[in-house]
Structure formats: structure tokens, C-alpha cells
């Protein structure tokens, strides 16, 4: 397995696998849904951000996962936007391998931040128990994320914000 910058010829497949992985995570909890959980426009806005970097995890030239991160070179307070493992390849350490390689690539990072929906116990377990993030905030209709539309919260739904402080750099 190797983590490489997202190749232009792989962008379409990368987005498809990411959407499938997010759909799988949602449907694992709530059952089949006709609603697309991760819109392509959300992925595209991250890919087009000048401070974002996308990587694909390849195994024998097959995409088996990927990540999009945003790097703030001034503050070194960086953000994990999306991390996914292709459906059928979960629970094999691929996500952890992707993340370990990202941390090695961005050693100047002081703090990593990310969010995940409260319902996704698998992601919460992954970020807290496998990667060492800490839950630092819970966004919901009574405490909304200032960067999101208020109407994005359904009853009893929200997002956890996580941080991983690397050290006192």
C-alpha cells in the first residue's frame, strides 16, 4: 500500500468511493436511504480549496481509501476534511495507515481538527481510540457550528468536533 497525491485521472473514482463509504456509514446505523449523504459539491469545494491536499491510498494501483486535508502553513492548525476507506476494505487498518502517513508528512502540525456526526460510533471509536483525537465540542441546534447552516441539524442530531494536539511546538 502507498499513499500518493490524488491523480487527476482518479478524481471521479476517488469521489465515488468516498461517497459510497459515507453512505455505507450512514446506512449502517439508519438503514437504506435514497438520500445521498455526501454531496459531490461538498467534496469539490474541498478539492478546490487552495490550502487543501488530497491523497489516495493505493494497493496494486487500486484506490482503497483516501483523505483530504487543509493545511494552514501560518498557524500549523490543520484540518482533516475527509478520510475514507473503500467499502469492503474497512477494519483492516487502512484508515489508521492513511492517518499515520499524513502525520509523518505534516510534522509541523501543532493541532489537527476534524468533525464527525454524533451517530457514527465507528468514526468516534476510530478518532478517539485509534488515532488519539479528543472530543472538544458538540455542535447541535442549541450550539450550532458557526461555519454551517442552522437548518442542517435534525432533531437529536449533531456533530462532534475533535482535536489532536501534537505537542507544545
N, C-alpha and C. Protein backbone atom coordinates (compact mmCIF):
# COMPACT_ATOMS: atom_id res chain seq x y z
N UNK A 1 0.84 -1.18 0.00
CA UNK A 1 0.00 0.00 0.00
C UNK A 1 0.88 1.24 0.00
N UNK A 2 0.40 2.26 -0.73
CA UNK A 2 1.14 3.52 -0.72
C UNK A 2 0.16 4.68 -0.82
N UNK A 3 0.47 5.76 -0.11
CA UNK A 3 -0.34 6.96 -0.13
C UNK A 3 0.32 7.94 -1.09
N UNK A 4 -0.44 8.36 -2.11
CA UNK A 4 0.09 9.27 -3.13
C UNK A 4 -0.88 10.42 -3.34
N UNK A 5 -0.36 11.53 -3.86
CA UNK A 5 -1.24 12.64 -4.20
C UNK A 5 -2.31 12.15 -5.16
N UNK A 6 -3.52 12.65 -4.98
CA UNK A 6 -4.63 12.26 -5.84
C UNK A 6 -4.30 12.61 -7.29
N UNK A 7 -4.34 11.59 -8.14
CA UNK A 7 -4.04 11.78 -9.56
C UNK A 7 -5.30 12.25 -10.28
N UNK A 8 -5.13 13.16 -11.23
CA UNK A 8 -6.27 13.73 -11.95
C UNK A 8 -7.16 12.65 -12.55
N UNK A 9 -6.55 11.61 -13.08
CA UNK A 9 -7.34 10.56 -13.71
C UNK A 9 -8.15 9.74 -12.71
N UNK A 10 -7.87 9.90 -11.41
CA UNK A 10 -8.56 9.13 -10.37
C UNK A 10 -9.63 9.94 -9.63
N UNK A 11 -9.77 11.24 -9.93
CA UNK A 11 -10.66 12.09 -9.16
C UNK A 11 -12.10 11.55 -9.15
N UNK A 12 -12.63 11.18 -10.28
CA UNK A 12 -14.00 10.69 -10.35
C UNK A 12 -14.20 9.44 -9.50
N UNK A 13 -13.29 8.48 -9.62
CA UNK A 13 -13.39 7.24 -8.85
C UNK A 13 -13.19 7.51 -7.36
N UNK A 14 -12.26 8.39 -7.02
CA UNK A 14 -11.98 8.80 -5.64
C UNK A 14 -13.27 9.34 -4.99
N UNK A 15 -13.94 10.25 -5.69
CA UNK A 15 -15.17 10.84 -5.16
C UNK A 15 -16.27 9.77 -5.02
N UNK A 16 -16.37 8.89 -6.00
CA UNK A 16 -17.39 7.83 -5.95
C UNK A 16 -17.16 6.92 -4.74
N UNK A 17 -15.92 6.49 -4.53
CA UNK A 17 -15.62 5.62 -3.39
C UNK A 17 -15.85 6.34 -2.06
N UNK A 18 -15.52 7.63 -2.02
CA UNK A 18 -15.74 8.40 -0.80
C UNK A 18 -17.24 8.49 -0.50
N UNK A 19 -18.03 8.80 -1.52
CA UNK A 19 -19.48 8.88 -1.33
C UNK A 19 -20.05 7.53 -0.88
N UNK A 20 -19.58 6.46 -1.48
CA UNK A 20 -20.06 5.12 -1.10
C UNK A 20 -19.70 4.81 0.35
N UNK A 21 -18.50 5.19 0.77
CA UNK A 21 -18.07 4.93 2.15
C UNK A 21 -18.92 5.71 3.15
N UNK A 22 -19.20 6.98 2.85
CA UNK A 22 -20.02 7.78 3.74
C UNK A 22 -21.46 7.27 3.75
N UNK A 23 -21.95 6.85 2.61
CA UNK A 23 -23.30 6.29 2.52
C UNK A 23 -23.39 5.01 3.35
N UNK A 24 -22.38 4.18 3.23
CA UNK A 24 -22.33 2.92 3.98
C UNK A 24 -22.37 3.20 5.48
N UNK A 25 -21.58 4.18 5.93
CA UNK A 25 -21.55 4.52 7.36
C UNK A 25 -22.91 4.97 7.86
N UNK A 26 -23.59 5.79 7.07
CA UNK A 26 -24.92 6.27 7.45
C UNK A 26 -25.92 5.12 7.47
N UNK A 27 -25.92 4.33 6.41
CA UNK A 27 -26.89 3.24 6.29
C UNK A 27 -26.62 2.12 7.29
N UNK A 28 -25.39 1.98 7.75
CA UNK A 28 -25.05 1.01 8.79
C UNK A 28 -25.86 1.30 10.05
N UNK A 29 -26.09 2.57 10.32
CA UNK A 29 -26.82 2.99 11.51
C UNK A 29 -28.32 3.10 11.24
N UNK A 30 -28.70 3.76 10.15
CA UNK A 30 -30.09 4.11 9.91
C UNK A 30 -30.81 3.24 8.90
N UNK A 31 -30.11 2.38 8.20
CA UNK A 31 -30.75 1.58 7.16
C UNK A 31 -30.69 2.28 5.82
N UNK A 32 -31.18 1.61 4.82
CA UNK A 32 -31.12 2.10 3.44
C UNK A 32 -31.72 3.49 3.32
N UNK A 33 -31.03 4.34 2.55
CA UNK A 33 -31.51 5.70 2.34
C UNK A 33 -31.38 6.06 0.86
N UNK A 34 -32.40 6.71 0.36
CA UNK A 34 -32.35 7.20 -1.02
C UNK A 34 -31.60 8.53 -1.09
N UNK A 35 -31.48 9.19 0.06
CA UNK A 35 -30.78 10.47 0.12
C UNK A 35 -29.28 10.24 0.06
N UNK A 36 -28.59 11.01 -0.77
CA UNK A 36 -27.14 10.93 -0.86
C UNK A 36 -26.55 11.69 0.32
N UNK A 37 -25.78 11.01 1.15
CA UNK A 37 -25.28 11.57 2.40
C UNK A 37 -24.16 12.58 2.16
N UNK A 38 -23.27 12.30 1.25
CA UNK A 38 -22.17 13.21 0.95
C UNK A 38 -22.31 13.69 -0.48
N UNK A 39 -22.63 14.95 -0.63
CA UNK A 39 -22.83 15.53 -1.95
C UNK A 39 -21.49 15.80 -2.64
N UNK A 40 -21.46 15.63 -3.94
CA UNK A 40 -20.24 15.87 -4.71
C UNK A 40 -19.78 17.32 -4.57
N UNK A 41 -20.70 18.24 -4.44
CA UNK A 41 -20.34 19.65 -4.30
C UNK A 41 -19.51 19.89 -3.04
N UNK A 42 -19.78 19.11 -1.97
CA UNK A 42 -19.00 19.24 -0.73
C UNK A 42 -17.57 18.74 -0.92
N UNK A 43 -17.43 17.66 -1.65
CA UNK A 43 -16.09 17.14 -1.94
C UNK A 43 -15.35 18.13 -2.83
N UNK A 44 -16.04 18.60 -3.87
CA UNK A 44 -15.41 19.54 -4.81
C UNK A 44 -14.95 20.82 -4.13
N UNK A 45 -15.73 21.34 -3.20
CA UNK A 45 -15.33 22.59 -2.54
C UNK A 45 -14.04 22.38 -1.75
N UNK A 46 -13.84 21.20 -1.19
CA UNK A 46 -12.59 20.91 -0.51
C UNK A 46 -11.45 20.71 -1.49
N UNK A 47 -11.71 20.00 -2.57
CA UNK A 47 -10.66 19.76 -3.56
C UNK A 47 -10.19 21.06 -4.21
N UNK A 48 -11.08 22.04 -4.33
CA UNK A 48 -10.74 23.31 -4.98
C UNK A 48 -10.10 24.32 -4.03
N UNK A 49 -10.15 24.06 -2.74
CA UNK A 49 -9.55 24.96 -1.75
C UNK A 49 -8.04 24.99 -1.96
N UNK A 50 -7.47 26.18 -2.08
CA UNK A 50 -6.04 26.32 -2.36
C UNK A 50 -5.15 25.76 -1.25
N UNK A 51 -5.70 25.62 -0.04
CA UNK A 51 -4.92 25.10 1.08
C UNK A 51 -5.18 23.61 1.34
N UNK A 52 -5.96 22.98 0.47
CA UNK A 52 -6.29 21.56 0.65
C UNK A 52 -5.38 20.66 -0.17
N UNK A 53 -5.19 19.46 0.36
CA UNK A 53 -4.37 18.44 -0.28
C UNK A 53 -5.14 17.13 -0.22
N UNK A 54 -5.16 16.42 -1.33
CA UNK A 54 -5.88 15.15 -1.41
C UNK A 54 -4.90 14.04 -1.74
N UNK A 55 -5.08 12.92 -1.07
CA UNK A 55 -4.23 11.75 -1.26
C UNK A 55 -5.11 10.51 -1.40
N UNK A 56 -4.63 9.59 -2.21
CA UNK A 56 -5.32 8.31 -2.37
C UNK A 56 -4.41 7.19 -1.88
N UNK A 57 -5.00 6.24 -1.20
CA UNK A 57 -4.27 5.06 -0.77
C UNK A 57 -4.45 4.01 -1.86
N UNK A 58 -3.33 3.56 -2.40
CA UNK A 58 -3.35 2.58 -3.48
C UNK A 58 -2.81 1.24 -3.00
N UNK A 59 -3.41 0.20 -3.49
CA UNK A 59 -2.91 -1.15 -3.30
C UNK A 59 -2.92 -1.80 -4.68
N UNK A 60 -1.74 -2.07 -5.21
CA UNK A 60 -1.62 -2.58 -6.58
C UNK A 60 -2.37 -1.69 -7.57
N UNK A 61 -2.20 -0.39 -7.41
CA UNK A 61 -2.79 0.64 -8.27
C UNK A 61 -4.30 0.75 -8.15
N UNK A 62 -4.92 0.09 -7.16
CA UNK A 62 -6.35 0.21 -6.91
C UNK A 62 -6.56 1.15 -5.74
N UNK A 63 -7.49 2.09 -5.88
CA UNK A 63 -7.82 3.01 -4.78
C UNK A 63 -8.57 2.22 -3.71
N UNK A 64 -8.03 2.24 -2.49
CA UNK A 64 -8.71 1.56 -1.37
C UNK A 64 -9.04 2.53 -0.24
N UNK A 65 -8.72 3.79 -0.43
CA UNK A 65 -9.03 4.80 0.58
C UNK A 65 -8.47 6.13 0.16
N UNK A 66 -8.72 7.12 0.98
CA UNK A 66 -8.20 8.44 0.66
C UNK A 66 -8.47 9.44 1.76
N UNK A 67 -7.92 10.62 1.56
CA UNK A 67 -8.01 11.66 2.57
C UNK A 67 -7.90 13.02 1.89
N UNK A 68 -8.63 13.99 2.44
CA UNK A 68 -8.47 15.39 2.05
C UNK A 68 -8.21 16.17 3.33
N UNK A 69 -7.16 16.96 3.33
CA UNK A 69 -6.80 17.76 4.50
C UNK A 69 -6.64 19.21 4.08
N UNK A 70 -6.76 20.11 5.04
CA UNK A 70 -6.50 21.53 4.82
C UNK A 70 -5.35 21.93 5.73
N UNK A 71 -4.34 22.54 5.13
CA UNK A 71 -3.12 22.89 5.86
C UNK A 71 -3.02 24.41 5.98
N UNK A 72 -2.87 24.88 7.21
CA UNK A 72 -2.65 26.30 7.48
C UNK A 72 -1.17 26.46 7.80
N UNK A 73 -0.39 26.90 6.82
CA UNK A 73 1.07 26.98 6.97
C UNK A 73 1.51 28.05 7.95
N UNK A 74 0.63 29.00 8.26
CA UNK A 74 0.98 30.06 9.22
C UNK A 74 0.82 29.59 10.66
N UNK A 75 -0.31 28.93 10.95
CA UNK A 75 -0.58 28.55 12.33
C UNK A 75 -0.25 27.08 12.63
N UNK A 76 -0.14 26.27 11.58
CA UNK A 76 0.03 24.82 11.72
C UNK A 76 -1.12 24.18 12.50
N UNK A 77 -2.27 24.82 12.44
CA UNK A 77 -3.51 24.27 12.99
C UNK A 77 -4.27 23.74 11.78
N UNK A 78 -4.20 22.44 11.56
CA UNK A 78 -4.65 21.83 10.31
C UNK A 78 -5.95 21.06 10.50
N UNK A 79 -6.61 20.79 9.39
CA UNK A 79 -7.92 20.17 9.46
C UNK A 79 -8.00 18.93 8.58
N UNK A 80 -8.52 17.87 9.15
CA UNK A 80 -8.85 16.65 8.41
C UNK A 80 -10.27 16.83 7.89
N UNK A 81 -10.41 17.03 6.59
CA UNK A 81 -11.72 17.27 5.99
C UNK A 81 -12.47 15.97 5.75
N UNK A 82 -11.83 15.03 5.08
CA UNK A 82 -12.44 13.74 4.78
C UNK A 82 -11.38 12.65 4.86
N UNK A 83 -11.75 11.53 5.44
CA UNK A 83 -10.92 10.33 5.40
C UNK A 83 -11.88 9.18 5.16
N UNK A 84 -11.56 8.34 4.18
CA UNK A 84 -12.45 7.22 3.90
C UNK A 84 -11.64 5.98 3.54
N UNK A 85 -12.28 4.86 3.78
CA UNK A 85 -11.77 3.56 3.33
C UNK A 85 -12.86 2.97 2.44
N UNK A 86 -12.47 2.50 1.30
CA UNK A 86 -13.41 1.94 0.32
C UNK A 86 -14.24 0.83 0.98
N UNK A 87 -15.54 0.82 0.64
CA UNK A 87 -16.44 -0.21 1.16
C UNK A 87 -15.88 -1.58 0.80
N UNK A 88 -15.85 -2.45 1.80
CA UNK A 88 -15.30 -3.80 1.62
C UNK A 88 -13.87 -3.92 2.12
N UNK A 89 -13.24 -2.79 2.42
CA UNK A 89 -11.86 -2.81 2.89
C UNK A 89 -11.73 -2.30 4.33
N UNK A 90 -12.88 -2.01 4.99
CA UNK A 90 -12.84 -1.50 6.35
C UNK A 90 -12.33 -2.54 7.33
N UNK A 91 -11.91 -2.04 8.50
CA UNK A 91 -11.48 -2.87 9.63
C UNK A 91 -10.23 -3.69 9.31
N UNK A 92 -9.37 -3.15 8.43
CA UNK A 92 -8.12 -3.82 8.10
C UNK A 92 -6.91 -2.92 8.39
N UNK A 93 -7.14 -1.83 9.10
CA UNK A 93 -6.05 -0.93 9.46
C UNK A 93 -5.70 0.09 8.40
N UNK A 94 -6.48 0.15 7.32
CA UNK A 94 -6.16 1.06 6.21
C UNK A 94 -6.33 2.52 6.63
N UNK A 95 -7.42 2.84 7.30
CA UNK A 95 -7.65 4.20 7.76
C UNK A 95 -6.55 4.67 8.69
N UNK A 96 -6.15 3.82 9.60
CA UNK A 96 -5.08 4.16 10.54
C UNK A 96 -3.75 4.34 9.79
N UNK A 97 -3.50 3.51 8.80
CA UNK A 97 -2.28 3.64 7.99
C UNK A 97 -2.29 4.95 7.22
N UNK A 98 -3.43 5.31 6.64
CA UNK A 98 -3.54 6.59 5.94
C UNK A 98 -3.19 7.72 6.90
N UNK A 99 -3.82 7.70 8.06
CA UNK A 99 -3.60 8.80 9.01
C UNK A 99 -2.16 8.85 9.50
N UNK A 100 -1.56 7.72 9.81
CA UNK A 100 -0.17 7.70 10.26
C UNK A 100 0.75 8.32 9.21
N UNK A 101 0.49 8.04 7.95
CA UNK A 101 1.32 8.61 6.89
C UNK A 101 1.10 10.11 6.76
N UNK A 102 -0.14 10.58 6.94
CA UNK A 102 -0.42 12.02 6.91
C UNK A 102 0.34 12.72 8.03
N UNK A 103 0.30 12.16 9.21
CA UNK A 103 1.02 12.78 10.34
C UNK A 103 2.52 12.85 10.07
N UNK A 104 3.07 11.84 9.44
CA UNK A 104 4.50 11.87 9.10
C UNK A 104 4.80 12.92 8.04
N UNK A 105 3.86 13.13 7.12
CA UNK A 105 4.06 14.10 6.05
C UNK A 105 3.95 15.54 6.54
N UNK A 106 3.16 15.75 7.58
CA UNK A 106 2.89 17.11 8.08
C UNK A 106 3.34 17.21 9.54
N UNK A 107 4.63 17.04 9.75
CA UNK A 107 5.19 17.01 11.09
C UNK A 107 5.22 18.37 11.78
N UNK A 108 5.00 19.45 11.05
CA UNK A 108 4.96 20.78 11.67
C UNK A 108 3.61 21.08 12.30
N UNK A 109 2.66 20.19 12.13
CA UNK A 109 1.32 20.40 12.67
C UNK A 109 1.38 20.50 14.19
N UNK A 110 0.68 21.51 14.71
CA UNK A 110 0.53 21.67 16.16
C UNK A 110 -0.77 21.03 16.63
N UNK A 111 -1.84 21.26 15.84
CA UNK A 111 -3.15 20.73 16.18
C UNK A 111 -3.83 20.24 14.91
N UNK A 112 -4.40 19.04 15.00
CA UNK A 112 -5.29 18.54 13.95
C UNK A 112 -6.70 18.67 14.47
N UNK A 113 -7.63 19.01 13.59
CA UNK A 113 -9.03 19.12 13.95
C UNK A 113 -9.86 18.38 12.91
N UNK A 114 -10.98 17.83 13.34
CA UNK A 114 -11.93 17.21 12.43
C UNK A 114 -13.29 17.15 13.09
N UNK A 115 -14.30 16.77 12.34
CA UNK A 115 -15.67 16.60 12.86
C UNK A 115 -16.24 15.30 12.33
N UNK A 116 -17.20 14.77 13.06
CA UNK A 116 -17.94 13.61 12.58
C UNK A 116 -19.32 13.63 13.21
N UNK A 117 -20.32 13.07 12.53
CA UNK A 117 -21.67 13.06 13.09
C UNK A 117 -21.73 12.24 14.39
N UNK A 118 -22.59 12.69 15.30
CA UNK A 118 -22.70 12.03 16.59
C UNK A 118 -23.14 10.58 16.47
N UNK A 119 -23.90 10.25 15.42
CA UNK A 119 -24.46 8.90 15.29
C UNK A 119 -23.42 7.87 14.87
N UNK A 120 -22.28 8.33 14.35
CA UNK A 120 -21.33 7.39 13.76
C UNK A 120 -20.33 6.88 14.80
N UNK A 121 -20.77 5.89 15.56
CA UNK A 121 -19.95 5.33 16.64
C UNK A 121 -18.64 4.75 16.12
N UNK A 122 -18.67 4.21 14.90
CA UNK A 122 -17.44 3.65 14.34
C UNK A 122 -16.40 4.75 14.15
N UNK A 123 -16.82 5.92 13.63
CA UNK A 123 -15.89 7.02 13.45
C UNK A 123 -15.40 7.56 14.79
N UNK A 124 -16.31 7.69 15.75
CA UNK A 124 -15.92 8.20 17.06
C UNK A 124 -14.88 7.27 17.67
N UNK A 125 -15.12 5.98 17.62
CA UNK A 125 -14.15 5.00 18.11
C UNK A 125 -12.81 5.16 17.38
N UNK A 126 -12.87 5.29 16.08
CA UNK A 126 -11.67 5.41 15.27
C UNK A 126 -10.85 6.65 15.66
N UNK A 127 -11.49 7.81 15.71
CA UNK A 127 -10.76 9.03 16.00
C UNK A 127 -10.24 9.07 17.44
N UNK A 128 -11.05 8.63 18.39
CA UNK A 128 -10.64 8.70 19.80
C UNK A 128 -9.69 7.56 20.17
N UNK A 129 -10.08 6.33 19.91
CA UNK A 129 -9.33 5.18 20.40
C UNK A 129 -8.19 4.73 19.50
N UNK A 130 -8.28 4.99 18.22
CA UNK A 130 -7.23 4.55 17.30
C UNK A 130 -6.25 5.68 16.98
N UNK A 131 -6.75 6.91 16.80
CA UNK A 131 -5.89 8.00 16.35
C UNK A 131 -5.51 8.99 17.43
N UNK A 132 -6.15 8.94 18.58
CA UNK A 132 -5.76 9.80 19.69
C UNK A 132 -6.36 11.19 19.69
N UNK A 133 -7.46 11.39 18.95
CA UNK A 133 -8.17 12.67 19.00
C UNK A 133 -8.99 12.73 20.28
N UNK A 134 -9.39 13.94 20.66
CA UNK A 134 -10.26 14.16 21.81
C UNK A 134 -11.48 14.95 21.36
N UNK A 135 -12.63 14.57 21.88
CA UNK A 135 -13.85 15.34 21.60
C UNK A 135 -13.77 16.63 22.40
N UNK A 136 -13.92 17.76 21.70
CA UNK A 136 -13.80 19.05 22.38
C UNK A 136 -15.06 19.90 22.27
N UNK A 137 -16.01 19.50 21.41
CA UNK A 137 -17.21 20.30 21.26
C UNK A 137 -18.29 19.45 20.60
N UNK A 138 -19.54 19.75 20.95
CA UNK A 138 -20.68 19.07 20.34
C UNK A 138 -21.58 20.13 19.72
N UNK A 139 -21.65 20.15 18.39
CA UNK A 139 -22.50 21.09 17.67
C UNK A 139 -23.88 20.47 17.49
N UNK A 140 -24.91 21.27 17.75
CA UNK A 140 -26.28 20.84 17.59
C UNK A 140 -27.16 22.08 17.43
N UNK A 141 -28.48 21.89 17.39
CA UNK A 141 -29.34 23.05 17.14
C UNK A 141 -29.26 24.10 18.24
N UNK A 142 -28.87 23.71 19.46
CA UNK A 142 -28.74 24.67 20.55
C UNK A 142 -27.32 25.25 20.64
N UNK A 143 -26.39 24.62 19.99
CA UNK A 143 -24.99 25.09 19.94
C UNK A 143 -24.46 24.81 18.53
N UNK A 144 -24.88 25.64 17.56
CA UNK A 144 -24.53 25.36 16.16
C UNK A 144 -23.08 25.70 15.83
N UNK A 145 -22.56 24.98 14.87
CA UNK A 145 -21.26 25.28 14.30
C UNK A 145 -21.40 26.60 13.54
N UNK A 146 -20.59 27.60 13.87
CA UNK A 146 -20.73 28.89 13.19
C UNK A 146 -20.44 28.84 11.69
N UNK A 147 -19.82 27.75 11.23
CA UNK A 147 -19.49 27.61 9.81
C UNK A 147 -20.53 26.83 9.02
N UNK A 148 -21.61 26.43 9.68
CA UNK A 148 -22.63 25.63 8.99
C UNK A 148 -23.98 26.31 9.10
N UNK A 149 -24.89 25.95 8.19
CA UNK A 149 -26.25 26.47 8.24
C UNK A 149 -26.98 25.83 9.41
N UNK A 150 -27.77 26.64 10.11
CA UNK A 150 -28.51 26.14 11.26
C UNK A 150 -29.48 25.03 10.88
N UNK A 151 -30.06 25.09 9.68
CA UNK A 151 -31.05 24.09 9.30
C UNK A 151 -30.44 22.72 8.95
N UNK A 152 -29.13 22.59 9.13
CA UNK A 152 -28.52 21.29 8.82
C UNK A 152 -28.72 20.28 9.95
N UNK A 153 -29.20 20.74 11.12
CA UNK A 153 -29.39 19.85 12.26
C UNK A 153 -30.83 19.36 12.32
N UNK A 154 -30.95 18.05 12.29
CA UNK A 154 -32.26 17.45 12.51
C UNK A 154 -32.40 17.25 14.01
N UNK A 155 -33.60 16.94 14.43
CA UNK A 155 -33.83 16.71 15.86
C UNK A 155 -32.88 15.63 16.37
N UNK A 156 -32.25 15.90 17.49
CA UNK A 156 -31.33 14.97 18.16
C UNK A 156 -30.10 14.60 17.32
N UNK A 157 -29.74 15.43 16.35
CA UNK A 157 -28.53 15.15 15.58
C UNK A 157 -27.54 16.28 15.77
N UNK A 158 -26.31 15.98 15.57
CA UNK A 158 -25.27 16.99 15.71
C UNK A 158 -23.94 16.43 15.25
N UNK A 159 -22.92 17.20 15.50
CA UNK A 159 -21.57 16.83 15.08
C UNK A 159 -20.62 16.99 16.27
N UNK A 160 -19.73 16.05 16.43
CA UNK A 160 -18.64 16.19 17.39
C UNK A 160 -17.46 16.84 16.68
N UNK A 161 -16.82 17.80 17.37
CA UNK A 161 -15.57 18.38 16.89
C UNK A 161 -14.46 17.75 17.71
N UNK A 162 -13.44 17.28 17.02
CA UNK A 162 -12.30 16.61 17.65
C UNK A 162 -11.04 17.44 17.44
N UNK A 163 -10.12 17.33 18.39
CA UNK A 163 -8.80 17.90 18.23
C UNK A 163 -7.76 16.87 18.65
N UNK A 164 -6.63 16.96 18.00
CA UNK A 164 -5.47 16.19 18.40
C UNK A 164 -4.30 17.16 18.49
N UNK A 165 -3.90 17.44 19.72
CA UNK A 165 -2.75 18.33 19.94
C UNK A 165 -1.50 17.47 19.84
N UNK A 166 -0.63 17.85 18.92
CA UNK A 166 0.55 17.03 18.66
C UNK A 166 1.57 17.17 19.79
N UNK A 167 1.94 18.39 20.10
CA UNK A 167 2.78 18.69 21.26
C UNK A 167 2.87 20.20 21.41
N UNK A 168 3.70 20.66 22.28
CA UNK A 168 3.84 22.11 22.51
C UNK A 168 4.87 22.72 21.60
N UNK A 169 4.69 22.57 20.29
CA UNK A 169 5.64 23.12 19.32
C UNK A 169 5.60 24.63 19.36
